Amino acid sequence: MWLAGLLHPEGLEGFALLTQDAAPSIAHVHLRMPVVLSKNHLEAWLVEGRVPPSPEVVAWAVGMSVNRTTEDGPHLSEPIPTLF
């Protein structure tokens, strides 16, 4: 497990983004993915350092408008047709 980022400016609340090896279903997109902790796994992670198994993750191609900061809405996550 790797720590990908940590933000804690003085006087502000902070957060940490924890990553792990990517689930096989999305490893073709990136080698790492966020650690997903449910309430059931939280104590085991905090107390014992156990990372839960990766959840079922599904990836699909989306349109280029997802990269535009002026775009917003659920249509950005709709799958697009691909050649593969």
N, C-alpha and C. Protein backbone atom coordinates (compact mmCIF):
# COMPACT_ATOMS: atom_id res chain seq x y z
N MET A 1 0.86 -1.16 0.00
CA MET A 1 0.00 0.00 0.00
C MET A 1 0.90 1.23 0.00
N TRP A 2 0.50 2.26 -0.74
CA TRP A 2 1.28 3.49 -0.84
C TRP A 2 0.41 4.67 -0.49
N LEU A 3 1.02 5.70 0.05
CA LEU A 3 0.34 6.95 0.33
C LEU A 3 0.53 7.85 -0.88
N ALA A 4 -0.54 8.16 -1.58
CA ALA A 4 -0.43 8.95 -2.80
C ALA A 4 -0.44 10.43 -2.53
N GLY A 5 -1.09 10.87 -1.50
CA GLY A 5 -1.12 12.31 -1.24
C GLY A 5 -1.52 12.60 0.19
N LEU A 6 -1.05 13.71 0.70
CA LEU A 6 -1.39 14.13 2.05
C LEU A 6 -1.50 15.64 2.05
N LEU A 7 -2.62 16.15 2.51
CA LEU A 7 -2.83 17.59 2.57
C LEU A 7 -3.29 17.94 3.97
N HIS A 8 -2.55 18.80 4.62
CA HIS A 8 -2.94 19.24 5.95
C HIS A 8 -2.35 20.63 6.22
N PRO A 9 -2.88 21.67 5.53
CA PRO A 9 -2.39 23.02 5.80
C PRO A 9 -2.70 23.41 7.24
N GLU A 10 -1.88 24.24 7.81
CA GLU A 10 -2.07 24.66 9.20
C GLU A 10 -3.44 25.29 9.40
N GLY A 11 -4.17 24.80 10.39
CA GLY A 11 -5.48 25.35 10.71
C GLY A 11 -6.62 24.79 9.88
N LEU A 12 -6.34 23.91 8.94
CA LEU A 12 -7.39 23.32 8.10
C LEU A 12 -7.43 21.82 8.31
N GLU A 13 -8.59 21.24 8.07
CA GLU A 13 -8.68 19.79 8.12
C GLU A 13 -7.93 19.22 6.93
N GLY A 14 -7.43 18.03 7.07
CA GLY A 14 -6.67 17.41 6.00
C GLY A 14 -7.26 16.08 5.59
N PHE A 15 -6.63 15.47 4.63
CA PHE A 15 -7.04 14.15 4.18
C PHE A 15 -5.83 13.42 3.63
N ALA A 16 -5.96 12.14 3.53
CA ALA A 16 -4.92 11.32 2.92
C ALA A 16 -5.60 10.41 1.90
N LEU A 17 -4.97 10.24 0.77
CA LEU A 17 -5.47 9.34 -0.26
C LEU A 17 -4.56 8.13 -0.27
N LEU A 18 -5.11 6.99 0.10
CA LEU A 18 -4.35 5.75 0.15
C LEU A 18 -4.61 4.96 -1.12
N THR A 19 -3.56 4.38 -1.67
CA THR A 19 -3.72 3.59 -2.88
C THR A 19 -3.19 2.18 -2.66
N GLN A 20 -3.62 1.29 -3.55
CA GLN A 20 -3.18 -0.10 -3.52
C GLN A 20 -3.04 -0.55 -4.97
N ASP A 21 -2.54 -1.76 -5.16
CA ASP A 21 -2.48 -2.31 -6.51
C ASP A 21 -3.88 -2.33 -7.11
N ALA A 22 -3.97 -2.04 -8.39
CA ALA A 22 -5.27 -1.99 -9.05
C ALA A 22 -5.90 -3.38 -9.13
N ALA A 23 -7.22 -3.39 -9.06
CA ALA A 23 -7.97 -4.63 -9.29
C ALA A 23 -7.71 -5.07 -10.73
N PRO A 24 -7.69 -6.37 -10.99
CA PRO A 24 -7.41 -6.85 -12.34
C PRO A 24 -8.33 -6.25 -13.41
N SER A 25 -9.57 -5.93 -13.04
CA SER A 25 -10.51 -5.41 -14.03
C SER A 25 -10.18 -4.00 -14.50
N ILE A 26 -9.33 -3.26 -13.78
CA ILE A 26 -8.97 -1.91 -14.22
C ILE A 26 -7.47 -1.69 -14.34
N ALA A 27 -6.67 -2.73 -14.15
CA ALA A 27 -5.22 -2.58 -14.21
C ALA A 27 -4.75 -2.09 -15.58
N HIS A 28 -5.54 -2.29 -16.63
CA HIS A 28 -5.15 -1.79 -17.95
C HIS A 28 -5.25 -0.27 -18.04
N VAL A 29 -5.98 0.36 -17.09
CA VAL A 29 -6.12 1.81 -17.06
C VAL A 29 -4.99 2.42 -16.23
N HIS A 30 -4.72 1.85 -15.07
CA HIS A 30 -3.67 2.35 -14.17
C HIS A 30 -3.28 1.23 -13.23
N LEU A 31 -2.02 1.24 -12.80
CA LEU A 31 -1.52 0.17 -11.93
C LEU A 31 -1.96 0.31 -10.48
N ARG A 32 -2.43 1.50 -10.09
CA ARG A 32 -2.86 1.74 -8.72
C ARG A 32 -4.32 2.17 -8.70
N MET A 33 -4.95 2.02 -7.55
CA MET A 33 -6.33 2.47 -7.34
C MET A 33 -6.49 2.85 -5.88
N PRO A 34 -7.49 3.67 -5.57
CA PRO A 34 -7.71 4.03 -4.16
C PRO A 34 -8.08 2.81 -3.32
N VAL A 35 -7.68 2.83 -2.06
CA VAL A 35 -8.14 1.83 -1.09
C VAL A 35 -9.59 2.19 -0.77
N VAL A 36 -10.47 1.22 -0.89
CA VAL A 36 -11.88 1.44 -0.60
C VAL A 36 -12.19 0.77 0.73
N LEU A 37 -12.55 1.58 1.72
CA LEU A 37 -12.84 1.06 3.05
C LEU A 37 -14.32 1.21 3.36
N SER A 38 -14.98 0.11 3.65
CA SER A 38 -16.36 0.18 4.12
C SER A 38 -16.32 0.32 5.64
N LYS A 39 -17.44 0.62 6.24
CA LYS A 39 -17.50 0.71 7.70
C LYS A 39 -17.09 -0.61 8.34
N ASN A 40 -17.39 -1.73 7.67
CA ASN A 40 -17.06 -3.06 8.21
C ASN A 40 -15.55 -3.29 8.26
N HIS A 41 -14.79 -2.65 7.37
CA HIS A 41 -13.35 -2.87 7.30
C HIS A 41 -12.54 -1.77 7.99
N LEU A 42 -13.17 -0.70 8.40
CA LEU A 42 -12.46 0.45 8.91
C LEU A 42 -11.64 0.14 10.17
N GLU A 43 -12.22 -0.51 11.14
CA GLU A 43 -11.50 -0.78 12.39
C GLU A 43 -10.32 -1.72 12.15
N ALA A 44 -10.51 -2.75 11.33
CA ALA A 44 -9.42 -3.68 11.04
C ALA A 44 -8.25 -2.94 10.38
N TRP A 45 -8.57 -1.96 9.55
CA TRP A 45 -7.51 -1.20 8.89
C TRP A 45 -6.82 -0.27 9.89
N LEU A 46 -7.60 0.43 10.70
CA LEU A 46 -7.01 1.38 11.65
C LEU A 46 -6.22 0.68 12.76
N VAL A 47 -6.75 -0.42 13.29
CA VAL A 47 -6.13 -1.08 14.43
C VAL A 47 -5.04 -2.07 14.00
N GLU A 48 -5.34 -2.87 12.99
CA GLU A 48 -4.43 -3.95 12.60
C GLU A 48 -3.66 -3.67 11.32
N GLY A 49 -4.04 -2.63 10.58
CA GLY A 49 -3.36 -2.32 9.33
C GLY A 49 -3.72 -3.25 8.19
N ARG A 50 -4.82 -3.99 8.34
CA ARG A 50 -5.24 -4.92 7.28
C ARG A 50 -5.95 -4.16 6.18
N VAL A 51 -5.51 -4.37 4.95
CA VAL A 51 -6.18 -3.78 3.78
C VAL A 51 -7.23 -4.76 3.30
N PRO A 52 -8.48 -4.31 3.14
CA PRO A 52 -9.53 -5.23 2.69
C PRO A 52 -9.30 -5.64 1.24
N PRO A 53 -9.91 -6.74 0.82
CA PRO A 53 -9.80 -7.13 -0.58
C PRO A 53 -10.41 -6.06 -1.48
N SER A 54 -9.87 -5.93 -2.68
CA SER A 54 -10.40 -4.94 -3.62
C SER A 54 -11.85 -5.26 -3.96
N PRO A 55 -12.68 -4.23 -4.01
CA PRO A 55 -14.07 -4.46 -4.41
C PRO A 55 -14.15 -4.71 -5.91
N GLU A 56 -15.28 -5.19 -6.34
CA GLU A 56 -15.54 -5.35 -7.78
C GLU A 56 -15.53 -3.97 -8.41
N VAL A 57 -14.65 -3.75 -9.36
CA VAL A 57 -14.52 -2.44 -10.02
C VAL A 57 -14.72 -2.65 -11.51
N VAL A 58 -15.50 -1.77 -12.11
CA VAL A 58 -15.77 -1.87 -13.54
C VAL A 58 -15.33 -0.57 -14.20
N ALA A 59 -14.68 -0.67 -15.35
CA ALA A 59 -14.24 0.51 -16.09
C ALA A 59 -14.85 0.49 -17.48
N TRP A 60 -15.14 1.68 -18.03
CA TRP A 60 -15.62 1.79 -19.40
C TRP A 60 -15.15 3.11 -19.98
N ALA A 61 -15.11 3.16 -21.29
CA ALA A 61 -14.66 4.38 -21.99
C ALA A 61 -15.74 5.45 -21.89
N VAL A 62 -15.28 6.70 -21.68
CA VAL A 62 -16.18 7.86 -21.65
C VAL A 62 -15.69 8.88 -22.66
N GLY A 63 -16.54 9.84 -22.97
CA GLY A 63 -16.20 10.85 -23.96
C GLY A 63 -15.16 11.84 -23.47
N MET A 64 -14.56 12.58 -24.40
CA MET A 64 -13.52 13.54 -24.08
C MET A 64 -14.03 14.73 -23.28
N SER A 65 -15.34 14.98 -23.30
CA SER A 65 -15.86 16.13 -22.56
C SER A 65 -15.69 15.98 -21.06
N VAL A 66 -15.35 14.79 -20.59
CA VAL A 66 -15.09 14.59 -19.16
C VAL A 66 -13.88 15.43 -18.71
N ASN A 67 -13.02 15.81 -19.65
CA ASN A 67 -11.84 16.60 -19.33
C ASN A 67 -12.09 18.10 -19.33
N ARG A 68 -13.25 18.54 -19.72
CA ARG A 68 -13.55 19.97 -19.79
C ARG A 68 -14.10 20.46 -18.44
N THR A 69 -13.46 21.46 -17.87
CA THR A 69 -13.89 21.98 -16.57
C THR A 69 -15.24 22.67 -16.65
N THR A 70 -15.66 23.05 -17.84
CA THR A 70 -16.96 23.71 -17.99
C THR A 70 -18.11 22.72 -18.08
N GLU A 71 -17.79 21.45 -18.23
CA GLU A 71 -18.81 20.40 -18.33
C GLU A 71 -19.15 19.87 -16.95
N ASP A 72 -20.41 19.51 -16.75
CA ASP A 72 -20.82 18.91 -15.49
C ASP A 72 -22.11 18.13 -15.74
N GLY A 73 -22.27 17.04 -15.07
CA GLY A 73 -23.51 16.29 -15.17
C GLY A 73 -23.28 14.80 -15.32
N PRO A 74 -24.35 14.04 -15.13
CA PRO A 74 -24.25 12.57 -15.18
C PRO A 74 -23.90 12.03 -16.56
N HIS A 75 -24.14 12.83 -17.60
CA HIS A 75 -23.83 12.35 -18.96
C HIS A 75 -22.33 12.10 -19.15
N LEU A 76 -21.50 12.70 -18.30
CA LEU A 76 -20.06 12.53 -18.43
C LEU A 76 -19.60 11.10 -18.14
N SER A 77 -20.38 10.35 -17.39
CA SER A 77 -19.99 8.98 -17.06
C SER A 77 -20.67 7.94 -17.93
N GLU A 78 -21.43 8.39 -18.92
CA GLU A 78 -22.10 7.42 -19.80
C GLU A 78 -21.08 6.77 -20.73
N PRO A 79 -21.17 5.45 -20.93
CA PRO A 79 -20.23 4.77 -21.82
C PRO A 79 -20.38 5.24 -23.27
N ILE A 80 -19.27 5.23 -23.98
CA ILE A 80 -19.30 5.54 -25.41
C ILE A 80 -18.92 4.29 -26.17
N PRO A 81 -19.34 4.18 -27.44
CA PRO A 81 -18.94 3.03 -28.24
C PRO A 81 -17.44 3.08 -28.53
N THR A 82 -16.79 1.92 -28.53
CA THR A 82 -15.36 1.85 -28.83
C THR A 82 -15.12 0.79 -29.89
N LEU A 83 -13.93 0.77 -30.42
CA LEU A 83 -13.57 -0.22 -31.43
C LEU A 83 -13.07 -1.51 -30.81
N PHE A 84 -12.81 -1.51 -29.50
CA PHE A 84 -12.20 -2.68 -28.86
C PHE A 84 -13.13 -3.27 -27.84
